[in-house]
Amino acid sequence: MSEIAAPLPAEPVERRALSLELRLSWELVA
């Protein structure tokens, strides 16, 4: 159970970090 629960929360965290980076990059470009 712990093995399956670990990767689930890890994925959204990485996606959030990527979204933040994309927003920052867009702001810099704009």
PDB file of N, CA and C in Angstrom:
ATOM      1  N   MET A   1       0.842  -1.207   0.000  1.00  0.00           N
ATOM      2  CA  MET A   1       0.000   0.000   0.000  1.00  0.00           C
ATOM      3  C   MET A   1       0.871   1.248   0.000  1.00  0.00           C
ATOM      4  N   SER A   2       1.884   1.275   0.874  1.00  0.00           N
ATOM      5  CA  SER A   2       2.753   2.465   0.971  1.00  0.00           C
ATOM      6  C   SER A   2       3.462   2.714  -0.366  1.00  0.00           C
ATOM      7  N   GLU A   3       3.863   1.625  -1.028  1.00  0.00           N
ATOM      8  CA  GLU A   3       4.577   1.789  -2.312  1.00  0.00           C
ATOM      9  C   GLU A   3       3.674   2.466  -3.352  1.00  0.00           C
ATOM     10  N   ILE A   4       2.401   2.093  -3.361  1.00  0.00           N
ATOM     11  CA  ILE A   4       1.470   2.663  -4.343  1.00  0.00           C
ATOM     12  C   ILE A   4       1.101   4.100  -3.960  1.00  0.00           C
ATOM     13  N   ALA A   5       1.035   4.371  -2.659  1.00  0.00           N
ATOM     14  CA  ALA A   5       0.646   5.708  -2.187  1.00  0.00           C
ATOM     15  C   ALA A   5       1.788   6.704  -2.375  1.00  0.00           C
ATOM     16  N   ALA A   6       3.010   6.232  -2.391  1.00  0.00           N
ATOM     17  CA  ALA A   6       4.168   7.139  -2.520  1.00  0.00           C
ATOM     18  C   ALA A   6       4.206   7.821  -3.897  1.00  0.00           C
ATOM     19  N   PRO A   7       4.169   7.077  -5.005  1.00  0.00           N
ATOM     20  CA  PRO A   7       4.255   7.672  -6.345  1.00  0.00           C
ATOM     21  C   PRO A   7       3.071   8.577  -6.672  1.00  0.00           C
ATOM     22  N   LEU A   8       1.912   8.309  -6.089  1.00  0.00           N
ATOM     23  CA  LEU A   8       0.729   9.131  -6.395  1.00  0.00           C
ATOM     24  C   LEU A   8       0.937  10.586  -5.994  1.00  0.00           C
ATOM     25  N   PRO A   9       1.301  10.889  -4.748  1.00  0.00           N
ATOM     26  CA  PRO A   9       1.520  12.273  -4.318  1.00  0.00           C
ATOM     27  C   PRO A   9       2.753  12.889  -4.956  1.00  0.00           C
ATOM     28  N   ALA A  10       3.701  12.067  -5.338  1.00  0.00           N
ATOM     29  CA  ALA A  10       4.947  12.580  -5.929  1.00  0.00           C
ATOM     30  C   ALA A  10       4.667  13.162  -7.319  1.00  0.00           C
ATOM     31  N   GLU A  11       3.756  12.559  -8.057  1.00  0.00           N
ATOM     32  CA  GLU A  11       3.455  13.044  -9.416  1.00  0.00           C
ATOM     33  C   GLU A  11       2.859  14.449  -9.406  1.00  0.00           C
ATOM     34  N   PRO A  12       1.799  14.700  -8.627  1.00  0.00           N
ATOM     35  CA  PRO A  12       1.194  16.040  -8.594  1.00  0.00           C
ATOM     36  C   PRO A  12       2.181  17.098  -8.119  1.00  0.00           C
ATOM     37  N   VAL A  13       3.047  16.752  -7.201  1.00  0.00           N
ATOM     38  CA  VAL A  13       4.029  17.717  -6.688  1.00  0.00           C
ATOM     39  C   VAL A  13       4.944  18.169  -7.826  1.00  0.00           C
ATOM     40  N   GLU A  14       5.403  17.221  -8.634  1.00  0.00           N
ATOM     41  CA  GLU A  14       6.292  17.573  -9.757  1.00  0.00           C
ATOM     42  C   GLU A  14       5.526  18.413 -10.773  1.00  0.00           C
ATOM     43  N   ARG A  15       4.281  18.054 -11.012  1.00  0.00           N
ATOM     44  CA  ARG A  15       3.467  18.802 -11.988  1.00  0.00           C
ATOM     45  C   ARG A  15       3.279  20.230 -11.508  1.00  0.00           C
ATOM     46  N   ARG A  16       3.059  20.406 -10.197  1.00  0.00           N
ATOM     47  CA  ARG A  16       2.874  21.757  -9.649  1.00  0.00           C
ATOM     48  C   ARG A  16       4.140  22.567  -9.845  1.00  0.00           C
ATOM     49  N   ALA A  17       5.275  21.948  -9.607  1.00  0.00           N
ATOM     50  CA  ALA A  17       6.558  22.655  -9.772  1.00  0.00           C
ATOM     51  C   ALA A  17       6.721  23.067 -11.228  1.00  0.00           C
ATOM     52  N   LEU A  18       6.365  22.171 -12.153  1.00  0.00           N
ATOM     53  CA  LEU A  18       6.492  22.489 -13.587  1.00  0.00           C
ATOM     54  C   LEU A  18       5.549  23.634 -13.957  1.00  0.00           C
ATOM     55  N   SER A  19       4.338  23.590 -13.424  1.00  0.00           N
ATOM     56  CA  SER A  19       3.367  24.652 -13.726  1.00  0.00           C
ATOM     57  C   SER A  19       3.890  25.983 -13.218  1.00  0.00           C
ATOM     58  N   LEU A  20       4.493  25.989 -12.032  1.00  0.00           N
ATOM     59  CA  LEU A  20       5.041  27.241 -11.478  1.00  0.00           C
ATOM     60  C   LEU A  20       6.146  27.761 -12.376  1.00  0.00           C
ATOM     61  N   GLU A  21       7.015  26.870 -12.829  1.00  0.00           N
ATOM     62  CA  GLU A  21       8.120  27.283 -13.711  1.00  0.00           C
ATOM     63  C   GLU A  21       7.565  27.834 -15.022  1.00  0.00           C
ATOM     64  N   LEU A  22       6.533  27.177 -15.560  1.00  0.00           N
ATOM     65  CA  LEU A  22       5.932  27.643 -16.818  1.00  0.00           C
ATOM     66  C   LEU A  22       5.340  29.036 -16.627  1.00  0.00           C
ATOM     67  N   ARG A  23       4.656  29.249 -15.515  1.00  0.00           N
ATOM     68  CA  ARG A  23       4.050  30.569 -15.256  1.00  0.00           C
ATOM     69  C   ARG A  23       5.135  31.629 -15.161  1.00  0.00           C
ATOM     70  N   LEU A  24       6.216  31.313 -14.466  1.00  0.00           N
ATOM     71  CA  LEU A  24       7.312  32.286 -14.318  1.00  0.00           C
ATOM     72  C   LEU A  24       7.920  32.589 -15.683  1.00  0.00           C
ATOM     73  N   SER A  25       8.114  31.557 -16.485  1.00  0.00           N
ATOM     74  CA  SER A  25       8.712  31.752 -17.813  1.00  0.00           C
ATOM     75  C   SER A  25       7.782  32.600 -18.679  1.00  0.00           C
ATOM     76  N   TRP A  26       6.481  32.333 -18.603  1.00  0.00           N
ATOM     77  CA  TRP A  26       5.517  33.107 -19.400  1.00  0.00           C
ATOM     78  C   TRP A  26       5.555  34.568 -18.976  1.00  0.00           C
ATOM     79  N   GLU A  27       5.632  34.806 -17.653  1.00  0.00           N
ATOM     80  CA  GLU A  27       5.672  36.186 -17.154  1.00  0.00           C
ATOM     81  C   GLU A  27       6.920  36.887 -17.664  1.00  0.00           C
ATOM     82  N   LEU A  28       8.040  36.176 -17.659  1.00  0.00           N
ATOM     83  CA  LEU A  28       9.296  36.777 -18.124  1.00  0.00           C
ATOM     84  C   LEU A  28       9.199  37.098 -19.608  1.00  0.00           C
ATOM     85  N   VAL A  29       8.611  36.190 -20.385  1.00  0.00           N
ATOM     86  CA  VAL A  29       8.478  36.402 -21.832  1.00  0.00           C
ATOM     87  C   VAL A  29       7.523  37.560 -22.105  1.00  0.00           C
ATOM     88  N   ALA A  30       6.422  37.599 -21.350  1.00  0.00           N
ATOM     89  CA  ALA A  30       5.423  38.652 -21.560  1.00  0.00           C
ATOM     90  C   ALA A  30       5.992  39.970 -21.051  1.00  0.00           C
TER      91      ALA A  30
END
